[in-house]
Amino acid sequence: MKLREAQIRQVCGTILSRWKAKGMIRPKAPEEVLLDKMIGELVDDFRREEALDREVEGLLDKHSREMTASRADSRILFQKIKNRLAQERKIVL
């Protein structure tokens, strides 16, 4: 995961407090419940992206010999494949 749980909690807490201050939301549930839901969604999103990264790495490993022969840049290919799979699966990066 790219961020530690304490960092995720802080980011979500800041977002929630700003939304409330600007009147963008009027919470019907306790703030802690909303914060836990936000954290859960963000953590799930990070896990989906990590799974996507692992899949892309697997595809690149599978075709590494072809990439070496064509002198393709693996970083560029990684990003292109990741973007394509994310778009197909409707994952927002």
N, C-alpha and C. Protein backbone atom coordinates (compact mmCIF):
# COMPACT_ATOMS: atom_id res chain seq x y z
N MET A 1 0.84 -1.16 0.00
CA MET A 1 0.00 0.00 0.00
C MET A 1 0.90 1.23 0.00
N LYS A 2 0.48 2.25 -0.69
CA LYS A 2 1.31 3.43 -0.85
C LYS A 2 1.32 4.32 0.39
N LEU A 3 0.25 4.34 1.13
CA LEU A 3 0.14 5.16 2.33
C LEU A 3 -0.09 4.28 3.54
N ARG A 4 0.41 4.71 4.68
CA ARG A 4 0.12 3.98 5.92
C ARG A 4 -1.30 4.32 6.35
N GLU A 5 -1.86 3.46 7.19
CA GLU A 5 -3.25 3.67 7.63
C GLU A 5 -3.43 5.01 8.34
N ALA A 6 -2.44 5.43 9.12
CA ALA A 6 -2.55 6.72 9.81
C ALA A 6 -2.62 7.87 8.80
N GLN A 7 -1.87 7.76 7.72
CA GLN A 7 -1.91 8.79 6.68
C GLN A 7 -3.26 8.80 5.97
N ILE A 8 -3.78 7.62 5.69
CA ILE A 8 -5.09 7.52 5.04
C ILE A 8 -6.16 8.12 5.94
N ARG A 9 -6.10 7.81 7.22
CA ARG A 9 -7.08 8.36 8.18
C ARG A 9 -7.00 9.89 8.21
N GLN A 10 -5.79 10.42 8.19
CA GLN A 10 -5.62 11.87 8.23
C GLN A 10 -6.18 12.52 6.96
N VAL A 11 -5.89 11.95 5.81
CA VAL A 11 -6.39 12.49 4.54
C VAL A 11 -7.92 12.45 4.52
N CYS A 12 -8.49 11.31 4.88
CA CYS A 12 -9.94 11.18 4.89
C CYS A 12 -10.58 12.13 5.90
N GLY A 13 -9.96 12.28 7.05
CA GLY A 13 -10.47 13.20 8.06
C GLY A 13 -10.47 14.64 7.58
N THR A 14 -9.40 15.02 6.89
CA THR A 14 -9.32 16.37 6.34
C THR A 14 -10.39 16.60 5.28
N ILE A 15 -10.55 15.63 4.40
CA ILE A 15 -11.57 15.76 3.35
C ILE A 15 -12.96 15.87 3.97
N LEU A 16 -13.26 15.01 4.93
CA LEU A 16 -14.57 15.02 5.57
C LEU A 16 -14.84 16.36 6.27
N SER A 17 -13.85 16.86 6.99
CA SER A 17 -14.05 18.13 7.69
C SER A 17 -14.23 19.29 6.72
N ARG A 18 -13.52 19.28 5.61
CA ARG A 18 -13.68 20.34 4.60
C ARG A 18 -15.04 20.26 3.92
N TRP A 19 -15.49 19.04 3.61
CA TRP A 19 -16.82 18.89 3.02
C TRP A 19 -17.89 19.44 3.96
N LYS A 20 -17.76 19.12 5.24
CA LYS A 20 -18.74 19.61 6.23
C LYS A 20 -18.66 21.13 6.36
N ALA A 21 -17.46 21.69 6.42
CA ALA A 21 -17.28 23.14 6.57
C ALA A 21 -17.85 23.91 5.39
N LYS A 22 -17.73 23.34 4.19
CA LYS A 22 -18.24 24.01 2.99
C LYS A 22 -19.71 23.73 2.74
N GLY A 23 -20.31 22.92 3.59
CA GLY A 23 -21.71 22.59 3.43
C GLY A 23 -22.00 21.65 2.28
N MET A 24 -20.98 20.92 1.85
CA MET A 24 -21.15 20.00 0.74
C MET A 24 -21.90 18.75 1.16
N ILE A 25 -21.83 18.44 2.46
CA ILE A 25 -22.56 17.29 2.98
C ILE A 25 -23.20 17.67 4.31
N ARG A 26 -24.26 16.97 4.62
CA ARG A 26 -24.91 17.08 5.93
C ARG A 26 -25.03 15.66 6.47
N PRO A 27 -24.03 15.23 7.22
CA PRO A 27 -23.98 13.84 7.66
C PRO A 27 -25.17 13.44 8.53
N LYS A 28 -25.70 12.26 8.25
CA LYS A 28 -26.77 11.69 9.06
C LYS A 28 -26.22 10.62 10.01
N ALA A 29 -25.01 10.19 9.72
CA ALA A 29 -24.35 9.18 10.55
C ALA A 29 -23.23 9.86 11.34
N PRO A 30 -22.80 9.24 12.42
CA PRO A 30 -21.68 9.80 13.18
C PRO A 30 -20.43 9.94 12.31
N GLU A 31 -19.64 10.95 12.62
CA GLU A 31 -18.44 11.23 11.82
C GLU A 31 -17.49 10.04 11.76
N GLU A 32 -17.35 9.31 12.87
CA GLU A 32 -16.44 8.17 12.90
C GLU A 32 -16.89 7.07 11.93
N VAL A 33 -18.20 6.88 11.81
CA VAL A 33 -18.73 5.88 10.87
C VAL A 33 -18.40 6.29 9.43
N LEU A 34 -18.61 7.57 9.13
CA LEU A 34 -18.30 8.06 7.79
C LEU A 34 -16.81 7.95 7.49
N LEU A 35 -16.01 8.29 8.48
CA LEU A 35 -14.57 8.22 8.32
C LEU A 35 -14.12 6.78 8.06
N ASP A 36 -14.68 5.84 8.80
CA ASP A 36 -14.34 4.42 8.59
C ASP A 36 -14.73 3.95 7.20
N LYS A 37 -15.89 4.39 6.71
CA LYS A 37 -16.34 4.02 5.36
C LYS A 37 -15.39 4.60 4.31
N MET A 38 -15.01 5.87 4.49
CA MET A 38 -14.09 6.51 3.54
C MET A 38 -12.75 5.78 3.51
N ILE A 39 -12.24 5.46 4.68
CA ILE A 39 -10.96 4.75 4.77
C ILE A 39 -11.06 3.38 4.10
N GLY A 40 -12.15 2.69 4.34
CA GLY A 40 -12.35 1.37 3.72
C GLY A 40 -12.36 1.44 2.20
N GLU A 41 -13.05 2.44 1.67
CA GLU A 41 -13.10 2.60 0.21
C GLU A 41 -11.73 2.92 -0.36
N LEU A 42 -11.00 3.79 0.31
CA LEU A 42 -9.67 4.17 -0.17
C LEU A 42 -8.71 2.98 -0.12
N VAL A 43 -8.75 2.22 0.96
CA VAL A 43 -7.89 1.04 1.08
C VAL A 43 -8.25 0.02 0.01
N ASP A 44 -9.55 -0.19 -0.23
CA ASP A 44 -9.98 -1.12 -1.28
C ASP A 44 -9.47 -0.67 -2.65
N ASP A 45 -9.52 0.63 -2.89
CA ASP A 45 -9.05 1.18 -4.16
C ASP A 45 -7.55 0.94 -4.33
N PHE A 46 -6.78 1.16 -3.26
CA PHE A 46 -5.34 0.89 -3.33
C PHE A 46 -5.07 -0.58 -3.60
N ARG A 47 -5.85 -1.45 -2.99
CA ARG A 47 -5.65 -2.90 -3.21
C ARG A 47 -5.98 -3.29 -4.64
N ARG A 48 -7.04 -2.68 -5.22
CA ARG A 48 -7.36 -2.97 -6.63
C ARG A 48 -6.22 -2.53 -7.53
N GLU A 49 -5.64 -1.37 -7.24
CA GLU A 49 -4.53 -0.89 -8.06
C GLU A 49 -3.30 -1.79 -7.90
N GLU A 50 -3.01 -2.25 -6.68
CA GLU A 50 -1.89 -3.16 -6.47
C GLU A 50 -2.10 -4.47 -7.22
N ALA A 51 -3.33 -4.98 -7.22
CA ALA A 51 -3.62 -6.22 -7.96
C ALA A 51 -3.43 -6.00 -9.45
N LEU A 52 -3.83 -4.84 -9.93
CA LEU A 52 -3.64 -4.50 -11.34
C LEU A 52 -2.15 -4.43 -11.66
N ASP A 53 -1.36 -3.82 -10.78
CA ASP A 53 0.09 -3.76 -10.98
C ASP A 53 0.69 -5.15 -11.08
N ARG A 54 0.27 -6.04 -10.19
CA ARG A 54 0.81 -7.41 -10.22
C ARG A 54 0.44 -8.11 -11.53
N GLU A 55 -0.76 -7.88 -12.00
CA GLU A 55 -1.18 -8.51 -13.25
C GLU A 55 -0.36 -7.98 -14.43
N VAL A 56 -0.14 -6.68 -14.45
CA VAL A 56 0.65 -6.08 -15.52
C VAL A 56 2.08 -6.61 -15.47
N GLU A 57 2.66 -6.71 -14.28
CA GLU A 57 4.01 -7.25 -14.15
C GLU A 57 4.07 -8.69 -14.65
N GLY A 58 3.03 -9.46 -14.37
CA GLY A 58 2.97 -10.83 -14.86
C GLY A 58 2.94 -10.89 -16.38
N LEU A 59 2.16 -10.00 -16.99
CA LEU A 59 2.11 -9.95 -18.44
C LEU A 59 3.46 -9.56 -19.04
N LEU A 60 4.11 -8.58 -18.40
CA LEU A 60 5.42 -8.17 -18.90
C LEU A 60 6.44 -9.29 -18.75
N ASP A 61 6.40 -10.01 -17.63
CA ASP A 61 7.32 -11.14 -17.44
C ASP A 61 7.08 -12.22 -18.50
N LYS A 62 5.82 -12.45 -18.79
CA LYS A 62 5.45 -13.47 -19.77
C LYS A 62 6.02 -13.14 -21.15
N HIS A 63 6.12 -11.85 -21.45
CA HIS A 63 6.58 -11.44 -22.78
C HIS A 63 7.95 -10.77 -22.73
N SER A 64 8.73 -11.04 -21.70
CA SER A 64 10.02 -10.37 -21.54
C SER A 64 11.00 -10.67 -22.66
N ARG A 65 10.98 -11.88 -23.16
CA ARG A 65 11.90 -12.24 -24.24
C ARG A 65 11.60 -11.42 -25.49
N GLU A 66 10.32 -11.27 -25.80
CA GLU A 66 9.94 -10.48 -26.97
C GLU A 66 10.31 -9.01 -26.78
N MET A 67 10.16 -8.53 -25.56
CA MET A 67 10.49 -7.14 -25.27
C MET A 67 11.98 -6.89 -25.43
N THR A 68 12.79 -7.86 -25.00
CA THR A 68 14.24 -7.72 -25.12
C THR A 68 14.64 -7.68 -26.58
N ALA A 69 14.04 -8.52 -27.38
CA ALA A 69 14.36 -8.57 -28.80
C ALA A 69 13.96 -7.27 -29.51
N SER A 70 12.88 -6.65 -29.07
CA SER A 70 12.43 -5.42 -29.73
C SER A 70 12.96 -4.16 -29.05
N ARG A 71 13.70 -4.36 -27.95
CA ARG A 71 14.28 -3.25 -27.19
C ARG A 71 13.22 -2.28 -26.66
N ALA A 72 12.09 -2.82 -26.27
CA ALA A 72 11.00 -2.00 -25.73
C ALA A 72 11.32 -1.58 -24.31
N ASP A 73 10.88 -0.39 -23.94
CA ASP A 73 11.09 0.12 -22.59
C ASP A 73 10.00 -0.44 -21.68
N SER A 74 10.40 -1.22 -20.69
CA SER A 74 9.41 -1.90 -19.84
C SER A 74 8.58 -0.92 -19.02
N ARG A 75 9.15 0.21 -18.62
CA ARG A 75 8.37 1.18 -17.84
C ARG A 75 7.24 1.78 -18.65
N ILE A 76 7.53 2.09 -19.91
CA ILE A 76 6.50 2.66 -20.79
C ILE A 76 5.43 1.62 -21.07
N LEU A 77 5.86 0.39 -21.36
CA LEU A 77 4.89 -0.68 -21.61
C LEU A 77 4.05 -0.96 -20.37
N PHE A 78 4.66 -0.94 -19.19
CA PHE A 78 3.93 -1.17 -17.95
C PHE A 78 2.81 -0.14 -17.82
N GLN A 79 3.13 1.13 -18.02
CA GLN A 79 2.12 2.18 -17.85
C GLN A 79 1.03 2.07 -18.91
N LYS A 80 1.39 1.77 -20.14
CA LYS A 80 0.39 1.62 -21.20
C LYS A 80 -0.55 0.46 -20.93
N ILE A 81 0.01 -0.68 -20.53
CA ILE A 81 -0.82 -1.84 -20.23
C ILE A 81 -1.71 -1.57 -19.03
N LYS A 82 -1.14 -0.96 -18.01
CA LYS A 82 -1.91 -0.64 -16.80
C LYS A 82 -3.07 0.30 -17.13
N ASN A 83 -2.79 1.33 -17.91
CA ASN A 83 -3.86 2.26 -18.28
C ASN A 83 -4.95 1.57 -19.10
N ARG A 84 -4.55 0.70 -19.99
CA ARG A 84 -5.51 -0.01 -20.84
C ARG A 84 -6.40 -0.94 -20.01
N LEU A 85 -5.78 -1.72 -19.12
CA LEU A 85 -6.55 -2.63 -18.27
C LEU A 85 -7.45 -1.85 -17.32
N ALA A 86 -6.96 -0.76 -16.78
CA ALA A 86 -7.77 0.07 -15.88
C ALA A 86 -8.98 0.63 -16.61
N GLN A 87 -8.77 1.07 -17.82
CA GLN A 87 -9.88 1.60 -18.61
C GLN A 87 -10.90 0.51 -18.91
N GLU A 88 -10.45 -0.67 -19.29
CA GLU A 88 -11.34 -1.77 -19.60
C GLU A 88 -12.14 -2.20 -18.37
N ARG A 89 -11.52 -2.14 -17.19
CA ARG A 89 -12.17 -2.59 -15.96
C ARG A 89 -12.82 -1.45 -15.17
N LYS A 90 -12.77 -0.26 -15.76
CA LYS A 90 -13.37 0.94 -15.16
C LYS A 90 -12.80 1.21 -13.77
N ILE A 91 -11.47 1.12 -13.68
CA ILE A 91 -10.75 1.44 -12.46
C ILE A 91 -10.15 2.82 -12.64
N VAL A 92 -10.43 3.71 -11.72
CA VAL A 92 -9.88 5.06 -11.78
C VAL A 92 -8.53 5.06 -11.11
N LEU A 93 -7.52 5.49 -11.83
CA LEU A 93 -6.15 5.54 -11.28
C LEU A 93 -5.85 6.92 -10.74
